[in-house]
Amino acid sequence: IPADGNPEDVTCKGSYSVSDEEIAATADTVVATIGEHALNNSQLQVYYWMEIQNFLNTYGNYAAYFGMDVTQPLDTQRCTYDENLTWQQFFLQTALVNWNQVQAMNLMAKEAGLNLSAEDQAYLDGLDDYLEQTAAGFGLSVEELMTANFGPGATKEGYRYFQDLYLNGLPYYQAESAKMVPTQEALEAYFAEHEEEYAASGVTKDSKFVDVRHILVQVKGGTTDDSGATTYSDAEWETCRKDAQAILDAWLAGEKNEDSFAALATEKTEDPGSKQTGGLYQQVYQGQMVPEFNDWCFDEARVYGDYGLVKTSYGYHVMFFVGSEPSWISYAKSDWMNQQSAQLLEAVTSLYPMEVSYDKIVLGVVDMG
């Protein structure tokens, strides 16, 4: 655990961890304010542990690659993103920034007269019942569920506060995001500005995505050797090919369009990853699929409506080409949107600056192992 640092920032305490009794005793202590709006320790627990859970949900078992050991206390581990912080300090910092952003967004939504969607209002109206049912499913009370997820001091009221603030500010964010429509010129300029970075990731002006539908007929039978490798006889492969050809012939005998192909894929394909989408894979990039599938999709002569059979290690694929688009546009648009969103959040929070009393913050401990 590092020594206490600057009282004016998140390094104020080397460790914010305290006993269950101490955190319960300071639950109502205000730790941050934005004008007349306050965040107390109990509410902070939810924001803090939500940040950790979101990180783990995103990276899962790969968290270790970021130098984070969930079996050890977070206040004893240096953060990969900022070596001056522990993981505990890092997540505390992101939690406070998150509260600042959603509180500012909430205030902007009220100022603009924007209201919750009916769906989000229904969610908030049913939140208490939802928590009761979820807790009961684990054999817990709601209070025990809050403690298990967000540590000692976290309450149902704190969780409701988290959800209420976020959802009430969401309409403002959505309304402003809807205005973020880049022109072709803006995308060209953004890509040119970051062209070297994209090239390092293999994205150039010549790169493209393809959309394709397929119906997989898996090869059946096979002989497995001692190493676990399975081989198929010529007869087994021929049976697979004939089954795939029969599906293609059935399509050709019908309306012979994309809709009929999609319906047939939903019925016939043995690929669970695309069964519910009519065999559709969108924004396939070069090298994503197995070589034979990839080569068929990325043939320069390929045009909408092309069809055929492709043999891969999985079996035979009945193919239907939907189209292609330059991939750089998609990457540039996504990154441009992220940049605009970040600038929006920065602009909004600058209107509603946050003041934090770091010395009053305490955090409970949850066993993540």
Protein backbone atom coordinates (compact mmCIF):
# COMPACT_ATOMS: atom_id res chain seq x y z
CA ILE A 1 0.00 0.00 0.00
CA PRO A 2 1.55 3.31 -1.04
CA ALA A 3 1.94 6.25 1.31
CA ASP A 4 -0.72 8.95 1.43
CA GLY A 5 -0.26 11.50 -1.34
CA ASN A 6 -1.73 14.79 -2.49
CA PRO A 7 -4.86 15.66 -0.44
CA GLU A 8 -6.33 17.42 -3.49
CA ASP A 9 -6.47 14.37 -5.77
CA VAL A 10 -7.20 10.66 -5.73
CA THR A 11 -3.80 9.84 -4.19
CA CYS A 12 -4.94 11.53 -0.97
CA LYS A 13 -5.07 8.15 0.75
CA GLY A 14 -2.74 5.29 0.00
CA SER A 15 -5.68 3.04 0.83
CA TYR A 16 -9.35 3.94 1.10
CA SER A 17 -10.31 0.51 2.46
CA VAL A 18 -11.93 0.49 5.90
CA SER A 19 -13.78 -1.93 8.14
CA ASP A 20 -17.44 -2.75 7.60
CA GLU A 21 -18.30 -0.86 10.78
CA GLU A 22 -16.51 2.31 9.71
CA ILE A 23 -18.06 2.43 6.29
CA ALA A 24 -21.52 1.91 7.75
CA ALA A 25 -20.91 4.77 10.18
CA THR A 26 -19.90 7.15 7.35
CA ALA A 27 -22.55 6.12 4.81
CA ASP A 28 -24.21 9.56 4.80
CA THR A 29 -20.98 11.56 4.70
CA VAL A 30 -20.88 13.80 1.63
CA VAL A 31 -17.71 13.21 -0.40
CA ALA A 32 -18.38 15.16 -3.60
CA THR A 33 -20.59 18.03 -4.71
CA ILE A 34 -21.70 19.72 -7.91
CA GLY A 35 -23.35 22.92 -6.81
CA GLU A 36 -26.18 21.89 -4.49
CA HIS A 37 -26.04 18.25 -5.61
CA ALA A 38 -24.12 15.84 -3.40
CA LEU A 39 -22.69 12.33 -3.51
CA ASN A 40 -22.32 10.45 -0.25
CA ASN A 41 -20.18 7.47 0.68
CA SER A 42 -23.05 5.01 0.38
CA GLN A 43 -23.84 6.13 -3.16
CA LEU A 44 -20.16 6.20 -4.07
CA GLN A 45 -19.84 2.48 -3.30
CA VAL A 46 -22.16 1.67 -6.19
CA TYR A 47 -20.29 3.91 -8.63
CA TYR A 48 -16.95 2.50 -7.54
CA TRP A 49 -17.88 -1.17 -7.79
CA MET A 50 -19.77 -0.60 -11.03
CA GLU A 51 -16.51 0.63 -12.57
CA ILE A 52 -14.72 -2.53 -11.43
CA GLN A 53 -17.52 -4.80 -12.62
CA ASN A 54 -17.65 -3.11 -16.02
CA PHE A 55 -13.90 -3.58 -16.39
CA LEU A 56 -14.08 -7.26 -15.47
CA ASN A 57 -17.14 -7.82 -17.68
CA THR A 58 -15.23 -6.28 -20.59
CA TYR A 59 -11.94 -8.10 -20.13
CA GLY A 60 -12.90 -11.13 -18.03
CA ASN A 61 -10.00 -13.56 -17.73
CA TYR A 62 -7.81 -11.12 -19.66
CA ALA A 63 -7.75 -8.72 -16.71
CA ALA A 64 -4.47 -10.33 -15.69
CA TYR A 65 -2.90 -9.07 -18.92
CA PHE A 66 -3.52 -5.57 -17.60
CA GLY A 67 -1.65 -6.43 -14.42
CA MET A 68 -4.79 -6.75 -12.30
CA ASP A 69 -4.98 -9.67 -9.85
CA VAL A 70 -8.54 -10.08 -8.57
CA THR A 71 -7.35 -12.36 -5.77
CA GLN A 72 -5.35 -9.52 -4.20
CA PRO A 73 -6.48 -6.19 -2.68
CA LEU A 74 -6.69 -3.44 -5.29
CA ASP A 75 -4.97 -0.93 -3.00
CA THR A 76 -1.77 -3.02 -3.16
CA GLN A 77 -1.46 -3.13 -6.96
CA ARG A 78 -0.11 -0.48 -9.28
CA CYS A 79 -2.44 0.44 -12.15
CA THR A 80 -1.23 -0.37 -15.65
CA TYR A 81 -2.88 2.73 -17.11
CA ASP A 82 -1.23 5.09 -14.61
CA GLU A 83 1.73 3.83 -12.59
CA ASN A 84 1.22 6.67 -10.10
CA LEU A 85 -2.08 5.13 -9.02
CA THR A 86 -3.17 1.86 -7.49
CA TRP A 87 -6.06 0.04 -9.11
CA GLN A 88 -8.21 1.18 -6.21
CA GLN A 89 -7.30 4.82 -6.83
CA PHE A 90 -7.83 4.39 -10.57
CA PHE A 91 -11.33 2.96 -10.22
CA LEU A 92 -12.21 5.57 -7.61
CA GLN A 93 -11.11 8.27 -10.03
CA THR A 94 -13.19 6.85 -12.89
CA ALA A 95 -16.17 6.46 -10.55
CA LEU A 96 -16.04 10.12 -9.55
CA VAL A 97 -15.66 11.22 -13.19
CA ASN A 98 -18.64 9.06 -14.10
CA TRP A 99 -20.78 10.67 -11.40
CA ASN A 100 -19.72 14.11 -12.59
CA GLN A 101 -20.72 13.26 -16.15
CA VAL A 102 -24.11 11.71 -15.42
CA GLN A 103 -25.02 14.41 -12.92
CA ALA A 104 -24.12 17.11 -15.45
CA MET A 105 -26.07 15.28 -18.15
CA ASN A 106 -29.04 15.00 -15.80
CA LEU A 107 -29.00 18.74 -15.16
CA MET A 108 -28.71 19.49 -18.88
CA ALA A 109 -31.66 17.20 -19.61
CA LYS A 110 -33.80 19.03 -17.05
CA GLU A 111 -32.78 22.39 -18.45
CA ALA A 112 -33.74 21.23 -21.95
CA GLY A 113 -37.04 19.77 -20.75
CA LEU A 114 -36.16 16.25 -21.85
CA ASN A 115 -37.96 13.33 -20.23
CA LEU A 116 -37.36 9.65 -19.72
CA SER A 117 -38.53 7.21 -22.35
CA ALA A 118 -41.57 5.14 -21.39
CA GLU A 119 -39.37 2.04 -21.37
CA ASP A 120 -36.82 3.55 -18.96
CA GLN A 121 -39.58 4.90 -16.72
CA ALA A 122 -41.14 1.45 -16.58
CA TYR A 123 -37.75 0.01 -15.62
CA LEU A 124 -37.38 2.47 -12.73
CA ASP A 125 -40.96 1.85 -11.63
CA GLY A 126 -40.30 -1.88 -11.45
CA LEU A 127 -36.79 -1.67 -10.00
CA ASP A 128 -37.75 -2.55 -6.43
CA ASP A 129 -39.61 -5.67 -7.56
CA TYR A 130 -36.72 -6.61 -9.83
CA LEU A 131 -34.23 -6.37 -6.96
CA GLU A 132 -36.50 -8.39 -4.69
CA GLN A 133 -36.80 -11.15 -7.28
CA THR A 134 -33.08 -11.15 -8.07
CA ALA A 135 -32.15 -11.33 -4.40
CA ALA A 136 -34.64 -14.11 -3.76
CA GLY A 137 -33.14 -16.06 -6.67
CA PHE A 138 -29.84 -16.13 -4.77
CA GLY A 139 -31.50 -16.82 -1.43
CA LEU A 140 -30.61 -13.32 -0.19
CA SER A 141 -32.35 -10.22 1.05
CA VAL A 142 -32.00 -7.07 -1.06
CA GLU A 143 -29.62 -5.64 1.57
CA GLU A 144 -27.45 -8.76 1.36
CA LEU A 145 -27.50 -8.56 -2.45
CA MET A 146 -26.29 -4.95 -2.34
CA THR A 147 -23.48 -5.85 0.05
CA ALA A 148 -22.42 -8.84 -2.05
CA ASN A 149 -22.22 -6.72 -5.22
CA PHE A 150 -21.16 -3.30 -3.95
CA GLY A 151 -19.67 -3.89 -0.53
CA PRO A 152 -20.64 -2.84 2.98
CA GLY A 153 -22.49 0.47 3.11
CA ALA A 154 -24.13 0.04 -0.29
CA THR A 155 -27.92 0.21 -0.19
CA LYS A 156 -30.93 -0.26 -2.42
CA GLU A 157 -31.41 3.51 -2.30
CA GLY A 158 -27.84 4.01 -3.52
CA TYR A 159 -28.40 1.64 -6.42
CA ARG A 160 -31.67 3.36 -7.33
CA TYR A 161 -29.86 6.71 -7.22
CA PHE A 162 -27.26 5.34 -9.65
CA GLN A 163 -29.90 4.11 -12.10
CA ASP A 164 -32.17 7.13 -11.76
CA LEU A 165 -29.41 9.65 -12.39
CA TYR A 166 -28.09 7.79 -15.41
CA LEU A 167 -31.45 7.22 -17.07
CA ASN A 168 -32.69 10.77 -16.50
CA GLY A 169 -29.56 12.17 -18.12
CA LEU A 170 -29.62 9.72 -21.01
CA PRO A 171 -32.16 11.65 -23.16
CA TYR A 172 -29.79 14.62 -23.32
CA TYR A 173 -26.85 12.45 -24.37
CA GLN A 174 -28.99 10.69 -26.98
CA ALA A 175 -30.31 13.97 -28.37
CA GLU A 176 -26.82 15.43 -28.69
CA SER A 177 -25.40 12.21 -30.13
CA ALA A 178 -28.09 12.24 -32.82
CA LYS A 179 -26.61 15.51 -34.05
CA MET A 180 -23.19 13.92 -34.52
CA VAL A 181 -23.40 13.01 -38.19
CA PRO A 182 -20.02 13.30 -39.91
CA THR A 183 -19.76 14.50 -43.47
CA GLN A 184 -17.63 12.60 -45.96
CA GLU A 185 -15.18 15.49 -45.82
CA ALA A 186 -14.93 15.20 -42.02
CA LEU A 187 -14.23 11.47 -42.25
CA GLU A 188 -11.62 12.00 -44.96
CA ALA A 189 -9.89 14.61 -42.80
CA TYR A 190 -10.05 12.44 -39.67
CA PHE A 191 -8.61 9.42 -41.47
CA ALA A 192 -5.84 11.49 -43.02
CA GLU A 193 -4.94 12.87 -39.59
CA HIS A 194 -4.66 9.35 -38.14
CA GLU A 195 -3.55 7.50 -41.26
CA GLU A 196 -0.30 6.21 -39.76
CA GLU A 197 -2.11 4.80 -36.72
CA TYR A 198 -4.65 3.04 -38.93
CA ALA A 199 -1.92 1.66 -41.19
CA ALA A 200 -0.18 0.20 -38.14
CA SER A 201 -3.42 -1.70 -37.46
CA GLY A 202 -3.65 -2.89 -41.04
CA VAL A 203 -6.35 -0.44 -42.13
CA THR A 204 -5.77 1.46 -45.37
CA LYS A 205 -7.95 3.17 -47.97
CA ASP A 206 -7.89 -0.14 -49.89
CA SER A 207 -9.21 -2.19 -46.95
CA LYS A 208 -12.84 -3.29 -47.07
CA PHE A 209 -15.57 -5.08 -45.16
CA VAL A 210 -17.91 -7.57 -46.81
CA ASP A 211 -21.41 -8.72 -45.93
CA VAL A 212 -22.17 -12.32 -46.83
CA ARG A 213 -24.81 -14.96 -46.17
CA HIS A 214 -24.02 -18.65 -46.02
CA ILE A 215 -25.58 -21.99 -45.22
CA LEU A 216 -23.18 -24.43 -43.60
CA VAL A 217 -23.52 -28.16 -44.20
CA GLN A 218 -21.09 -29.88 -41.86
CA VAL A 219 -19.20 -32.94 -42.98
CA LYS A 220 -20.35 -36.01 -41.03
CA GLY A 221 -18.61 -39.16 -39.84
CA GLY A 222 -14.83 -39.10 -39.80
CA THR A 223 -12.11 -41.07 -38.08
CA THR A 224 -10.32 -39.66 -35.03
CA ASP A 225 -6.74 -40.72 -34.32
CA ASP A 226 -4.88 -40.87 -31.01
CA SER A 227 -3.88 -37.21 -31.26
CA GLY A 228 -7.53 -36.14 -31.52
CA ALA A 229 -7.32 -35.17 -35.20
CA THR A 230 -10.34 -36.17 -37.31
CA THR A 231 -10.12 -37.05 -41.00
CA TYR A 232 -12.97 -37.68 -43.44
CA SER A 233 -13.13 -40.06 -46.36
CA ASP A 234 -13.74 -38.94 -49.93
CA ALA A 235 -17.18 -40.53 -49.72
CA GLU A 236 -18.05 -38.52 -46.62
CA TRP A 237 -16.95 -35.30 -48.28
CA GLU A 238 -18.95 -36.16 -51.41
CA THR A 239 -22.08 -36.77 -49.32
CA CYS A 240 -21.59 -33.37 -47.71
CA ARG A 241 -21.15 -31.72 -51.12
CA LYS A 242 -24.30 -33.33 -52.49
CA ASP A 243 -26.32 -32.17 -49.46
CA ALA A 244 -25.06 -28.62 -49.96
CA GLN A 245 -25.77 -28.76 -53.71
CA ALA A 246 -29.31 -29.93 -52.98
CA ILE A 247 -29.87 -26.85 -50.80
CA LEU A 248 -28.45 -24.60 -53.51
CA ASP A 249 -30.62 -26.25 -56.15
CA ALA A 250 -33.71 -25.74 -53.97
CA TRP A 251 -32.92 -22.06 -53.70
CA LEU A 252 -32.28 -21.72 -57.43
CA ALA A 253 -35.63 -23.40 -58.13
CA GLY A 254 -37.44 -20.84 -55.97
CA GLU A 255 -37.53 -17.04 -55.96
CA LYS A 256 -33.73 -16.96 -56.09
CA ASN A 257 -33.31 -13.76 -54.09
CA GLU A 258 -31.66 -12.70 -50.84
CA ASP A 259 -34.84 -13.01 -48.77
CA SER A 260 -35.46 -16.58 -49.87
CA PHE A 261 -31.79 -17.41 -49.22
CA ALA A 262 -32.06 -15.97 -45.70
CA ALA A 263 -35.19 -18.01 -44.99
CA LEU A 264 -33.46 -21.17 -46.22
CA ALA A 265 -30.40 -20.40 -44.11
CA THR A 266 -32.51 -20.03 -40.99
CA GLU A 267 -34.02 -23.43 -41.70
CA LYS A 268 -31.01 -25.37 -42.95
CA THR A 269 -27.70 -23.96 -41.73
CA GLU A 270 -25.64 -25.84 -39.16
CA ASP A 271 -23.77 -22.69 -38.13
CA PRO A 272 -25.25 -21.56 -34.77
CA GLY A 273 -23.47 -18.21 -35.06
CA SER A 274 -25.61 -17.08 -38.00
CA LYS A 275 -28.75 -19.21 -37.83
CA GLN A 276 -30.88 -16.46 -36.30
CA THR A 277 -29.71 -13.86 -38.83
CA GLY A 278 -30.49 -15.81 -41.97
CA GLY A 279 -26.88 -16.87 -42.37
CA LEU A 280 -25.70 -13.25 -42.39
CA TYR A 281 -22.24 -12.10 -41.36
CA GLN A 282 -21.70 -8.35 -41.57
CA GLN A 283 -18.52 -6.32 -41.73
CA VAL A 284 -16.31 -9.36 -42.26
CA TYR A 285 -12.70 -8.23 -42.49
CA GLN A 286 -9.84 -9.72 -44.47
CA GLY A 287 -8.51 -12.82 -42.69
CA GLN A 288 -11.44 -13.15 -40.27
CA MET A 289 -12.81 -16.34 -41.80
CA VAL A 290 -11.09 -19.59 -42.79
CA PRO A 291 -9.00 -19.19 -45.99
CA GLU A 292 -11.40 -20.70 -48.55
CA PHE A 293 -14.38 -18.74 -47.18
CA ASN A 294 -12.26 -15.59 -47.01
CA ASP A 295 -10.94 -15.96 -50.57
CA TRP A 296 -14.45 -16.35 -52.01
CA CYS A 297 -15.72 -13.27 -50.15
CA PHE A 298 -12.81 -11.03 -51.05
CA ASP A 299 -12.57 -11.93 -54.72
CA GLU A 300 -12.29 -8.55 -56.46
CA ALA A 301 -14.84 -9.62 -59.08
CA ARG A 302 -17.48 -10.42 -56.48
CA VAL A 303 -20.82 -8.55 -56.91
CA TYR A 304 -24.19 -8.58 -55.17
CA GLY A 305 -26.12 -11.79 -55.73
CA ASP A 306 -23.12 -13.99 -56.50
CA TYR A 307 -23.61 -17.51 -55.15
CA GLY A 308 -21.78 -20.81 -55.07
CA LEU A 309 -20.36 -23.65 -52.98
CA VAL A 310 -17.20 -23.34 -50.91
CA LYS A 311 -15.46 -26.24 -49.20
CA THR A 312 -13.70 -25.53 -45.88
CA SER A 313 -12.51 -27.64 -42.98
CA TYR A 314 -16.03 -27.33 -41.50
CA GLY A 315 -17.87 -28.73 -44.50
CA TYR A 316 -19.53 -27.10 -47.51
CA HIS A 317 -20.91 -23.57 -47.46
CA VAL A 318 -23.68 -22.39 -49.76
CA MET A 319 -22.69 -18.76 -50.34
CA PHE A 320 -24.58 -15.56 -51.19
CA PHE A 321 -22.65 -12.30 -51.56
CA VAL A 322 -24.43 -9.25 -50.15
CA GLY A 323 -21.92 -6.46 -50.66
CA SER A 324 -18.81 -4.65 -49.55
CA GLU A 325 -17.75 -1.25 -48.28
CA PRO A 326 -14.43 0.46 -47.52
CA SER A 327 -13.58 -0.48 -43.96
CA TRP A 328 -11.71 2.75 -43.29
CA ILE A 329 -15.03 4.63 -43.36
CA SER A 330 -16.46 2.48 -40.58
CA TYR A 331 -13.32 2.76 -38.44
CA ALA A 332 -13.02 6.51 -39.00
CA LYS A 333 -16.71 7.10 -38.28
CA SER A 334 -16.59 5.09 -35.04
CA ASP A 335 -13.45 6.87 -33.85
CA TRP A 336 -14.78 10.27 -34.94
CA MET A 337 -17.99 9.61 -32.98
CA ASN A 338 -16.00 8.60 -29.91
CA GLN A 339 -13.99 11.80 -30.18
CA GLN A 340 -17.16 13.88 -30.46
CA SER A 341 -18.72 12.09 -27.48
CA ALA A 342 -15.62 12.71 -25.38
CA GLN A 343 -15.71 16.39 -26.32
CA LEU A 344 -19.41 16.55 -25.42
CA LEU A 345 -18.77 15.05 -21.98
CA GLU A 346 -15.85 17.39 -21.41
CA ALA A 347 -17.93 20.41 -22.40
CA VAL A 348 -20.87 19.43 -20.17
CA THR A 349 -18.77 18.66 -17.11
CA SER A 350 -16.94 21.96 -17.51
CA LEU A 351 -20.31 23.66 -16.96
CA TYR A 352 -20.87 21.69 -13.76
CA PRO A 353 -17.46 21.26 -12.07
CA MET A 354 -17.16 18.78 -9.23
CA GLU A 355 -15.55 19.35 -5.85
CA VAL A 356 -14.27 16.29 -3.99
CA SER A 357 -13.36 15.81 -0.33
CA TYR A 358 -10.95 12.92 -0.80
CA ASP A 359 -10.14 12.75 2.89
CA LYS A 360 -13.77 11.81 3.64
CA ILE A 361 -13.95 8.95 1.16
CA VAL A 362 -13.93 5.37 2.44
CA LEU A 363 -14.41 2.18 0.46
CA GLY A 364 -15.70 -1.20 1.47
CA VAL A 365 -14.07 -4.46 0.52
CA VAL A 366 -15.62 -7.11 -1.72
CA ASP A 367 -14.00 -10.51 -2.19
CA MET A 368 -13.49 -10.67 -5.97
CA GLY A 369 -11.63 -13.96 -5.84
